[in-house]
Structure formats: C-alpha cells, structure tokens
Amino acid sequence: MAKAPAAVDGYQIVKLPNANVPNFQRRTVFCPTGKKVIAGGAEAQGNGAVLVGSVPTDDGRGWIGLGRQDGYSSVGVSVYAICASV
C-alpha cells in the first residue's frame, strides 16, 4: 500500500497580478512573514512578450519575474510564489 504524501505546513500561493512595467524591470512577490518560497513562476503577457527570468529571491522569501515585449517599451508581467512554513 502506497504511503500518502506528507502535507506541506502553511502551504499558500501568493500572486502579484499582471501589470505593465518597462521591459526588463523586475517584479517581486514575497511570502507572508514566517514563510519561505518553495517554488514559483512568472508569466509575460502581450504580443511578442518573452519571459526573460523567473527565479527565487536570494533570501528565499519570494519570487522574481521579468520580461520584455518586442516592438514595445513595456510588458505585462504576473508573478507567483508558492510559500510554506519551513
């Protein structure tokens, strides 16, 4: 019989909704106090939009997303952090 996976304590998804920002400008979403990021992601939106980066912050408290859009000076970027009590 397979063992059920352990629950992740304090699991929470935090979202930074889509907003237009200048090309290559970082957008960062942070976990609530007492939680660390365990995964995350980002999305670049718009015609010719390209996601340039999607990485955790150096301190492990959040997630960074950045993008660019061909032919435009700005791009829509959404960022997500999956947080947990660790």
C-alpha atoms as a PDB file:
ATOM      1  CA  MET A   1       0.000   0.000   0.000  1.00  0.00           C
ATOM      2  CA  ALA A   2       1.398   3.405  -1.012  1.00  0.00           C
ATOM      3  CA  LYS A   3       2.038   5.896   1.740  1.00  0.00           C
ATOM      4  CA  ALA A   4       0.180   9.221   1.388  1.00  0.00           C
ATOM      5  CA  PRO A   5       2.469  12.214   0.832  1.00  0.00           C
ATOM      6  CA  ALA A   6       3.079  14.467   3.804  1.00  0.00           C
ATOM      7  CA  ALA A   7       1.147  17.735   3.850  1.00  0.00           C
ATOM      8  CA  VAL A   8       3.130  20.911   3.393  1.00  0.00           C
ATOM      9  CA  ASP A   9       2.718  23.027   6.515  1.00  0.00           C
ATOM     10  CA  GLY A  10       1.363  26.505   5.805  1.00  0.00           C
ATOM     11  CA  TYR A  11       1.071  25.982   2.030  1.00  0.00           C
ATOM     12  CA  GLN A  12      -0.038  29.185   0.310  1.00  0.00           C
ATOM     13  CA  ILE A  13       0.083  30.658  -3.203  1.00  0.00           C
ATOM     14  CA  VAL A  14       0.761  34.397  -3.351  1.00  0.00           C
ATOM     15  CA  LYS A  15       0.119  36.238  -6.641  1.00  0.00           C
ATOM     16  CA  LEU A  16       1.309  39.572  -7.979  1.00  0.00           C
ATOM     17  CA  PRO A  17      -1.351  40.263 -10.647  1.00  0.00           C
ATOM     18  CA  ASN A  18      -0.486  41.289 -14.181  1.00  0.00           C
ATOM     19  CA  ALA A  19       0.802  44.842 -14.563  1.00  0.00           C
ATOM     20  CA  ASN A  20       2.593  46.616 -17.385  1.00  0.00           C
ATOM     21  CA  VAL A  21       6.159  47.535 -16.488  1.00  0.00           C
ATOM     22  CA  PRO A  22       9.146  48.692 -18.539  1.00  0.00           C
ATOM     23  CA  ASN A  23      10.973  45.926 -20.393  1.00  0.00           C
ATOM     24  CA  PHE A  24      13.420  44.042 -18.136  1.00  0.00           C
ATOM     25  CA  GLN A  25      12.042  45.604 -14.914  1.00  0.00           C
ATOM     26  CA  ARG A  26      11.898  43.056 -12.104  1.00  0.00           C
ATOM     27  CA  ARG A  27       8.612  42.362 -10.334  1.00  0.00           C
ATOM     28  CA  THR A  28       8.871  40.627  -6.982  1.00  0.00           C
ATOM     29  CA  VAL A  29       6.246  38.939  -4.827  1.00  0.00           C
ATOM     30  CA  PHE A  30       7.041  37.990  -1.227  1.00  0.00           C
ATOM     31  CA  CYS A  31       5.756  35.256   1.062  1.00  0.00           C
ATOM     32  CA  PRO A  32       3.999  36.285   4.273  1.00  0.00           C
ATOM     33  CA  THR A  33       6.168  36.702   7.362  1.00  0.00           C
ATOM     34  CA  GLY A  34       7.398  33.362   8.711  1.00  0.00           C
ATOM     35  CA  LYS A  35       7.122  31.540   5.374  1.00  0.00           C
ATOM     36  CA  LYS A  36       9.680  30.730   2.671  1.00  0.00           C
ATOM     37  CA  VAL A  37       9.219  30.232  -1.040  1.00  0.00           C
ATOM     38  CA  ILE A  38       9.333  26.581  -2.127  1.00  0.00           C
ATOM     39  CA  ALA A  39       8.502  27.216  -5.810  1.00  0.00           C
ATOM     40  CA  GLY A  40       7.208  29.938  -8.066  1.00  0.00           C
ATOM     41  CA  GLY A  41       6.732  31.197 -11.565  1.00  0.00           C
ATOM     42  CA  ALA A  42       6.034  34.166 -13.768  1.00  0.00           C
ATOM     43  CA  GLU A  43       4.184  34.991 -16.970  1.00  0.00           C
ATOM     44  CA  ALA A  44       4.906  37.649 -19.598  1.00  0.00           C
ATOM     45  CA  GLN A  45       1.813  38.877 -21.453  1.00  0.00           C
ATOM     46  CA  GLY A  46       1.408  40.804 -24.687  1.00  0.00           C
ATOM     47  CA  ASN A  47       2.096  40.495 -28.410  1.00  0.00           C
ATOM     48  CA  GLY A  48       5.679  39.288 -28.762  1.00  0.00           C
ATOM     49  CA  ALA A  49       6.095  39.045 -24.972  1.00  0.00           C
ATOM     50  CA  VAL A  50       9.027  36.970 -23.742  1.00  0.00           C
ATOM     51  CA  LEU A  51       9.631  35.839 -20.159  1.00  0.00           C
ATOM     52  CA  VAL A  52      13.277  36.711 -19.504  1.00  0.00           C
ATOM     53  CA  GLY A  53      13.609  35.495 -15.912  1.00  0.00           C
ATOM     54  CA  SER A  54      11.729  33.590 -13.243  1.00  0.00           C
ATOM     55  CA  VAL A  55      13.846  32.960 -10.133  1.00  0.00           C
ATOM     56  CA  PRO A  56      13.616  32.904  -6.334  1.00  0.00           C
ATOM     57  CA  THR A  57      14.914  35.878  -4.359  1.00  0.00           C
ATOM     58  CA  ASP A  58      18.376  35.414  -2.849  1.00  0.00           C
ATOM     59  CA  ASP A  59      16.929  35.316   0.675  1.00  0.00           C
ATOM     60  CA  GLY A  60      14.301  32.670  -0.200  1.00  0.00           C
ATOM     61  CA  ARG A  61      11.374  34.885   0.829  1.00  0.00           C
ATOM     62  CA  GLY A  62       9.887  35.483  -2.623  1.00  0.00           C
ATOM     63  CA  TRP A  63       9.919  35.110  -6.394  1.00  0.00           C
ATOM     64  CA  ILE A  64      11.128  37.452  -9.173  1.00  0.00           C
ATOM     65  CA  GLY A  65       9.760  37.691 -12.709  1.00  0.00           C
ATOM     66  CA  LEU A  66      10.849  39.875 -15.606  1.00  0.00           C
ATOM     67  CA  GLY A  67      10.105  40.054 -19.289  1.00  0.00           C
ATOM     68  CA  ARG A  68      10.243  42.073 -22.470  1.00  0.00           C
ATOM     69  CA  GLN A  69       7.928  42.688 -25.399  1.00  0.00           C
ATOM     70  CA  ASP A  70       9.176  43.013 -28.982  1.00  0.00           C
ATOM     71  CA  GLY A  71       8.277  46.364 -30.512  1.00  0.00           C
ATOM     72  CA  TYR A  72       7.088  47.893 -27.231  1.00  0.00           C
ATOM     73  CA  SER A  73       8.776  49.594 -24.282  1.00  0.00           C
ATOM     74  CA  SER A  74       6.696  47.733 -21.692  1.00  0.00           C
ATOM     75  CA  VAL A  75       5.390  44.245 -20.982  1.00  0.00           C
ATOM     76  CA  GLY A  76       2.708  42.704 -18.770  1.00  0.00           C
ATOM     77  CA  VAL A  77       4.212  40.526 -16.021  1.00  0.00           C
ATOM     78  CA  SER A  78       2.493  38.355 -13.377  1.00  0.00           C
ATOM     79  CA  VAL A  79       4.477  36.631 -10.624  1.00  0.00           C
ATOM     80  CA  TYR A  80       3.517  33.730  -8.334  1.00  0.00           C
ATOM     81  CA  ALA A  81       5.175  32.369  -5.198  1.00  0.00           C
ATOM     82  CA  ILE A  82       4.330  29.057  -3.588  1.00  0.00           C
ATOM     83  CA  CYS A  83       5.070  29.510   0.092  1.00  0.00           C
ATOM     84  CA  ALA A  84       5.240  27.231   3.118  1.00  0.00           C
ATOM     85  CA  SER A  85       6.230  27.265   6.762  1.00  0.00           C
ATOM     86  CA  VAL A  86       9.711  25.739   6.795  1.00  0.00           C
END
